[in-house]
Amino acid sequence: MPISRRTLLAAALLASFAAPSAFAQGKYPERPITFVVPFAAGSATDQLARALGASITADTKQAVIVDNKAGASGMMAAQAAARAPADGYTVLISTNTTHAANEHLYKKLPYDPVKDFVPVTGLGKGGQVLVVRADAPYKTVADLLAKAKKEPGKLSFGSGSSSSRVAGEMFKQLSHTDILHVPYKSNPQALTDLLGGQIDFMITDTATGLPQIKGGKLKALGVSTTKRIALLPDVPTIDEAGVKGYDMGYWFAAWVPANTPPAVATRLRELLAAGTKSASAKTFYEGTGTDAWTTATSEELARFQAAEAQKWGKVIKGAGIEPE
């Protein structure tokens, strides 16, 4: 049967609507990308996001805007990212806080860490460090514990992320001590109060703590992982220092809103993976004792996230932390 002119025109019209979408995905990104970060400027996540953003800008000539939405243990940022258009131009750069720990720390979340997102790629793994003021009377973890046991409930620790919070709670649990927890919107804010004498110690990410340690304002008593950190070779692990079984690291990853086209997520994964090898990212990794880490597929990160959520749930329950 001959094809009518009207049928040909209709087909051409439909093609004109379909083509821009496919073309846009193929050329992604064609406009600025926003990285939503759940923590304050200067935090480890913020530093890494900015380093990766600089790499993407260099590769694509498109700006990357870092939008810091600190507070509520990352829930505001995760909610905002989940509700953004599923087009690849809003990316959540976050950690185990929003995607492994929060579901066990809060009775109700304003987002679903699994259903509301497409996992893109892992970005890095690292450890934390227990720090006190440089002029504090504690020279070792044992000194700090002796004070805590002598005066139950008098010492305090601050935290600005779930990683930091759970690290402190695990420290209390395994050392059998009564120490007051003081929450903050981000680790840099907790660090400010630590330097000001409002709290006694904190267990913070190395990116936040190392500059103050190197500057002589803070003293490192122990690191949270089971192996010593190359940048602090003389600082024992908390396990070595007497709190047996202590091991608490953290990780970074990227997500986009659910229903983001697979081609866009794949292209973003490629850009971020390349970014982890850039000079700006290497400066972050080497300067903070963080290991670069990427995942080849969305499914790989999804499996890792599920395993981590289960692990963090056990730690939180074991530490006796009741969901808020």
Protein backbone atom coordinates (compact mmCIF):
# COMPACT_ATOMS: atom_id res chain seq x y z
CA MET A 1 0.00 0.00 0.00
CA PRO A 2 1.45 3.44 -0.97
CA ILE A 3 2.40 5.67 1.95
CA SER A 4 0.42 8.89 1.92
CA ARG A 5 2.01 12.31 2.18
CA ARG A 6 0.10 12.90 5.42
CA THR A 7 1.60 9.71 6.95
CA LEU A 8 5.10 10.80 5.97
CA LEU A 9 4.56 14.24 7.50
CA ALA A 10 3.25 12.69 10.72
CA ALA A 11 6.28 10.39 10.92
CA ALA A 12 8.61 13.31 10.35
CA LEU A 13 6.88 15.32 13.06
CA LEU A 14 7.21 12.47 15.57
CA ALA A 15 10.87 12.10 14.69
CA SER A 16 11.40 15.80 15.29
CA PHE A 17 10.10 15.39 18.85
CA ALA A 18 12.07 12.20 19.57
CA ALA A 19 15.36 13.29 18.08
CA PRO A 20 16.23 16.12 20.50
CA SER A 21 15.82 13.80 23.53
CA ALA A 22 18.11 11.14 22.11
CA PHE A 23 20.51 13.79 20.85
CA ALA A 24 20.55 15.52 24.25
CA GLN A 25 21.38 12.28 26.05
CA GLY A 26 24.19 11.60 23.59
CA LYS A 27 25.75 14.98 24.21
CA TYR A 28 25.26 15.08 27.98
CA PRO A 29 26.12 17.38 29.60
CA GLU A 30 24.94 20.39 27.60
CA ARG A 31 24.50 22.75 30.57
CA PRO A 32 25.79 23.17 34.14
CA ILE A 33 25.51 20.24 36.56
CA THR A 34 24.67 20.69 40.25
CA PHE A 35 26.40 18.52 42.84
CA VAL A 36 24.24 18.41 45.97
CA VAL A 37 26.46 17.85 49.04
CA PRO A 38 24.89 17.01 52.42
CA PHE A 39 27.68 18.64 54.43
CA ALA A 40 29.18 22.09 54.86
CA ALA A 41 31.85 23.73 52.76
CA GLY A 42 35.24 22.44 53.85
CA SER A 43 33.96 18.98 54.79
CA ALA A 44 35.57 15.93 53.21
CA THR A 45 32.57 15.35 50.92
CA ASP A 46 32.64 18.99 49.83
CA GLN A 47 36.36 18.87 49.06
CA LEU A 48 35.98 15.74 46.96
CA ALA A 49 32.90 17.10 45.14
CA ARG A 50 34.77 20.26 44.18
CA ALA A 51 37.78 18.30 42.96
CA LEU A 52 35.60 16.04 40.80
CA GLY A 53 33.58 19.02 39.58
CA ALA A 54 36.75 20.75 38.41
CA SER A 55 37.67 17.64 36.41
CA ILE A 56 34.23 17.41 34.76
CA THR A 57 34.36 21.09 33.85
CA ALA A 58 37.79 20.60 32.26
CA ASP A 59 36.49 17.60 30.28
CA THR A 60 33.14 18.99 29.16
CA LYS A 61 33.50 22.79 29.41
CA GLN A 62 30.31 22.78 31.50
CA ALA A 63 30.26 24.34 34.96
CA VAL A 64 29.66 22.18 38.04
CA ILE A 65 27.89 23.98 40.88
CA VAL A 66 28.34 22.61 44.40
CA ASP A 67 25.19 23.11 46.48
CA ASN A 68 25.92 22.53 50.18
CA LYS A 69 22.78 21.53 52.07
CA ALA A 70 24.18 20.78 55.51
CA GLY A 71 22.10 19.61 58.43
CA ALA A 72 19.71 16.86 59.55
CA SER A 73 22.38 14.22 59.01
CA GLY A 74 22.23 14.74 55.25
CA MET A 75 18.49 14.18 54.99
CA MET A 76 17.68 17.61 53.53
CA ALA A 77 20.22 17.18 50.75
CA ALA A 78 19.15 13.64 49.94
CA GLN A 79 15.49 14.68 49.83
CA ALA A 80 16.26 17.63 47.55
CA ALA A 81 18.28 15.45 45.18
CA ALA A 82 15.61 12.74 45.11
CA ARG A 83 12.96 15.29 44.10
CA ALA A 84 15.06 16.88 41.34
CA PRO A 85 14.35 16.22 37.64
CA ALA A 86 15.71 12.84 36.53
CA ASP A 87 17.91 14.27 33.79
CA GLY A 88 21.45 13.89 35.15
CA TYR A 89 21.88 17.57 36.00
CA THR A 90 21.38 17.07 39.74
CA VAL A 91 23.86 14.65 41.32
CA LEU A 92 24.03 13.69 44.99
CA ILE A 93 27.64 13.37 46.18
CA SER A 94 27.28 11.74 49.56
CA THR A 95 28.45 9.01 51.92
CA ASN A 96 27.38 6.05 54.01
CA THR A 97 25.62 8.63 56.21
CA THR A 98 22.67 9.10 53.85
CA HIS A 99 22.76 5.71 52.14
CA ALA A 100 23.65 3.17 54.83
CA ALA A 101 23.37 4.65 58.34
CA ASN A 102 20.38 7.03 58.37
CA GLU A 103 17.81 4.32 57.77
CA HIS A 104 18.88 2.81 61.10
CA LEU A 105 19.25 6.10 62.98
CA TYR A 106 15.84 7.60 62.17
CA LYS A 107 12.36 6.12 62.37
CA LYS A 108 11.24 7.93 59.24
CA LEU A 109 13.30 9.34 56.36
CA PRO A 110 12.04 11.96 53.88
CA TYR A 111 13.65 9.91 51.10
CA ASP A 112 14.21 6.24 50.26
CA PRO A 113 17.95 5.53 49.86
CA VAL A 114 17.20 2.71 47.41
CA LYS A 115 13.96 3.48 45.53
CA ASP A 116 14.58 7.21 45.07
CA PHE A 117 18.00 6.94 43.42
CA VAL A 118 20.05 5.38 40.66
CA PRO A 119 23.53 4.46 42.00
CA VAL A 120 26.23 5.90 39.73
CA THR A 121 29.66 5.04 41.14
CA GLY A 122 31.74 4.79 44.26
CA LEU A 123 34.23 7.63 44.71
CA GLY A 124 36.48 6.87 47.67
CA LYS A 125 37.03 5.10 50.98
CA GLY A 126 38.79 6.39 54.07
CA GLY A 127 39.24 6.32 57.81
CA GLN A 128 38.69 8.67 60.71
CA VAL A 129 40.88 10.04 63.45
CA LEU A 130 40.22 10.66 67.15
CA VAL A 131 41.39 14.18 67.97
CA VAL A 132 41.67 16.42 71.03
CA ARG A 133 42.95 19.98 71.38
CA ALA A 134 46.72 20.31 71.28
CA ASP A 135 46.72 21.66 74.85
CA ALA A 136 44.45 18.90 76.21
CA PRO A 137 45.94 16.83 79.06
CA TYR A 138 45.46 13.57 77.13
CA LYS A 139 48.48 12.08 75.40
CA THR A 140 46.94 8.71 74.58
CA VAL A 141 43.58 7.02 74.15
CA ALA A 142 44.22 5.39 77.53
CA ASP A 143 44.48 8.84 79.15
CA LEU A 144 41.13 9.85 77.64
CA LEU A 145 39.47 6.64 78.80
CA ALA A 146 40.88 7.00 82.30
CA LYS A 147 39.22 10.43 82.55
CA ALA A 148 35.94 9.09 81.15
CA LYS A 149 35.85 6.25 83.66
CA LYS A 150 36.82 8.48 86.57
CA GLU A 151 34.08 11.02 85.79
CA PRO A 152 31.20 9.29 83.95
CA GLY A 153 29.10 11.63 81.82
CA LYS A 154 31.51 14.58 82.10
CA LEU A 155 33.46 14.15 78.86
CA SER A 156 31.77 15.05 75.56
CA PHE A 157 32.33 14.26 71.91
CA GLY A 158 30.94 16.07 68.87
CA SER A 159 29.82 14.76 65.51
CA GLY A 160 28.56 16.32 62.28
CA SER A 161 27.85 13.15 60.30
CA SER A 162 26.55 9.67 60.94
CA SER A 163 30.04 8.28 60.39
CA SER A 164 31.40 10.51 63.11
CA ARG A 165 28.41 9.88 65.38
CA VAL A 166 28.53 6.10 65.11
CA ALA A 167 32.32 6.13 65.48
CA GLY A 168 31.91 7.93 68.80
CA GLU A 169 29.10 5.69 69.96
CA MET A 170 31.10 2.60 69.06
CA PHE A 171 34.03 4.02 71.03
CA LYS A 172 31.75 4.38 74.06
CA GLN A 173 30.30 0.90 73.66
CA LEU A 174 33.59 -0.97 73.25
CA SER A 175 35.35 1.00 76.01
CA HIS A 176 32.38 0.70 78.40
CA THR A 177 32.32 4.44 79.14
CA ASP A 178 29.62 7.07 79.63
CA ILE A 179 30.40 10.04 77.32
CA LEU A 180 28.00 12.80 76.24
CA HIS A 181 27.25 13.15 72.52
CA VAL A 182 26.85 16.68 71.08
CA PRO A 183 25.38 16.82 67.52
CA TYR A 184 26.39 19.35 64.84
CA LYS A 185 25.31 20.08 61.27
CA SER A 186 28.76 19.16 59.93
CA ASN A 187 32.17 18.02 61.14
CA PRO A 188 33.88 21.40 60.48
CA GLN A 189 31.39 23.02 62.88
CA ALA A 190 32.09 20.39 65.53
CA LEU A 191 35.79 20.96 64.98
CA THR A 192 35.36 24.68 65.61
CA ASP A 193 33.77 23.96 68.99
CA LEU A 194 36.48 21.42 69.79
CA LEU A 195 39.13 24.07 69.15
CA GLY A 196 37.10 26.49 71.27
CA GLY A 197 36.88 24.10 74.19
CA GLN A 198 33.12 23.45 74.05
CA ILE A 199 33.61 19.69 73.58
CA ASP A 200 36.44 17.37 74.62
CA PHE A 201 37.09 15.26 71.53
CA MET A 202 35.68 13.99 68.26
CA ILE A 203 36.31 11.23 65.76
CA THR A 204 36.36 12.98 62.41
CA ASP A 205 37.21 12.21 58.80
CA THR A 206 40.88 12.66 57.98
CA ALA A 207 40.15 15.39 55.42
CA THR A 208 38.70 17.60 58.15
CA GLY A 209 41.13 16.70 60.92
CA LEU A 210 44.51 16.49 59.20
CA PRO A 211 45.01 20.22 58.45
CA GLN A 212 44.45 21.07 62.13
CA ILE A 213 46.73 18.22 63.23
CA LYS A 214 49.48 19.33 60.85
CA GLY A 215 48.95 22.92 61.99
CA GLY A 216 49.54 21.97 65.61
CA LYS A 217 46.06 22.90 66.81
CA LEU A 218 44.84 19.33 67.33
CA LYS A 219 46.45 16.19 68.67
CA ALA A 220 45.67 12.80 67.10
CA LEU A 221 45.30 9.96 69.60
CA GLY A 222 44.12 7.14 67.33
CA VAL A 223 42.82 6.24 63.89
CA SER A 224 39.55 4.39 63.34
CA THR A 225 40.61 1.71 60.86
CA THR A 226 42.48 -1.51 61.64
CA LYS A 227 45.57 -0.28 59.79
CA ARG A 228 47.54 2.87 60.51
CA ILE A 229 47.20 5.80 58.11
CA ALA A 230 50.27 6.58 56.00
CA LEU A 231 49.91 10.31 56.69
CA LEU A 232 49.95 9.64 60.45
CA PRO A 233 52.38 6.73 60.76
CA ASP A 234 53.09 7.33 64.45
CA VAL A 235 49.44 7.40 65.49
CA PRO A 236 48.19 3.98 66.63
CA THR A 237 44.85 2.54 65.63
CA ILE A 238 42.17 2.83 68.32
CA ASP A 239 42.24 -0.96 68.44
CA GLU A 240 46.01 -0.90 69.11
CA ALA A 241 45.46 1.76 71.74
CA GLY A 242 43.34 -0.59 73.81
CA VAL A 243 39.77 -0.49 72.45
CA LYS A 244 39.82 -4.00 71.01
CA GLY A 245 37.73 -4.73 67.95
CA TYR A 246 37.38 -1.08 66.98
CA ASP A 247 37.04 -0.55 63.19
CA MET A 248 34.99 2.24 61.60
CA GLY A 249 35.68 3.68 58.14
CA TYR A 250 33.57 5.66 55.66
CA TRP A 251 32.98 5.92 51.91
CA PHE A 252 31.85 8.37 49.25
CA ALA A 253 29.62 7.71 46.22
CA ALA A 254 27.39 9.43 43.66
CA TRP A 255 23.68 9.00 42.93
CA VAL A 256 21.13 10.56 40.57
CA PRO A 257 17.32 10.65 40.93
CA ALA A 258 15.37 7.50 40.11
CA ASN A 259 14.38 7.15 36.44
CA THR A 260 17.41 9.02 35.16
CA PRO A 261 18.09 7.59 31.66
CA PRO A 262 20.70 4.79 31.76
CA ALA A 263 22.75 6.46 29.03
CA VAL A 264 23.04 9.62 31.14
CA ALA A 265 24.01 7.67 34.27
CA THR A 266 26.63 5.77 32.27
CA ARG A 267 28.12 8.97 30.85
CA LEU A 268 28.20 10.53 34.31
CA ARG A 269 29.93 7.42 35.68
CA GLU A 270 32.59 7.77 32.99
CA LEU A 271 33.13 11.43 33.84
CA LEU A 272 33.35 10.78 37.58
CA ALA A 273 35.67 7.79 37.14
CA ALA A 274 37.97 9.95 35.04
CA GLY A 275 37.68 12.64 37.70
CA THR A 276 39.03 10.32 40.40
CA LYS A 277 42.26 10.14 38.38
CA SER A 278 42.54 13.91 37.86
CA ALA A 279 45.23 16.03 39.48
CA SER A 280 42.71 17.83 41.68
CA ALA A 281 41.24 14.58 42.98
CA LYS A 282 44.66 13.03 43.53
CA THR A 283 45.54 16.02 45.69
CA PHE A 284 42.45 15.32 47.79
CA TYR A 285 43.08 11.58 48.07
CA GLU A 286 46.77 11.89 48.89
CA GLY A 287 46.27 14.81 51.25
CA THR A 288 43.54 13.12 53.27
CA GLY A 289 44.61 9.50 53.33
CA THR A 290 41.55 8.52 51.27
CA ASP A 291 41.69 5.69 48.72
CA ALA A 292 40.18 6.31 45.29
CA TRP A 293 37.41 3.78 44.60
CA THR A 294 35.02 3.42 41.68
CA THR A 295 32.38 0.87 40.68
CA ALA A 296 31.90 -0.35 37.11
CA THR A 297 28.09 -0.46 37.10
CA SER A 298 25.05 0.81 38.97
CA GLU A 299 24.37 -2.75 40.07
CA GLU A 300 27.81 -3.08 41.65
CA LEU A 301 27.30 0.03 43.77
CA ALA A 302 23.76 -1.09 44.65
CA ARG A 303 25.09 -4.41 45.98
CA PHE A 304 27.82 -2.66 47.96
CA GLN A 305 25.30 -0.19 49.39
CA ALA A 306 22.98 -3.01 50.48
CA ALA A 307 25.82 -4.83 52.25
CA GLU A 308 26.95 -1.62 53.95
CA ALA A 309 23.42 -0.79 55.11
CA GLN A 310 23.25 -4.19 56.77
CA LYS A 311 26.69 -3.69 58.36
CA TRP A 312 25.90 -0.22 59.68
CA GLY A 313 22.59 -1.46 61.02
CA LYS A 314 24.39 -4.06 63.10
CA VAL A 315 26.91 -1.52 64.41
CA ILE A 316 24.19 1.00 65.32
CA LYS A 317 22.07 -1.63 67.04
CA GLY A 318 25.11 -2.99 68.82
CA ALA A 319 26.01 0.49 70.05
CA GLY A 320 22.56 0.77 71.60
CA ILE A 321 21.56 3.79 69.51
CA GLU A 322 17.77 4.14 69.43
CA PRO A 323 16.22 5.53 66.20
CA GLU A 324 15.11 9.14 66.62
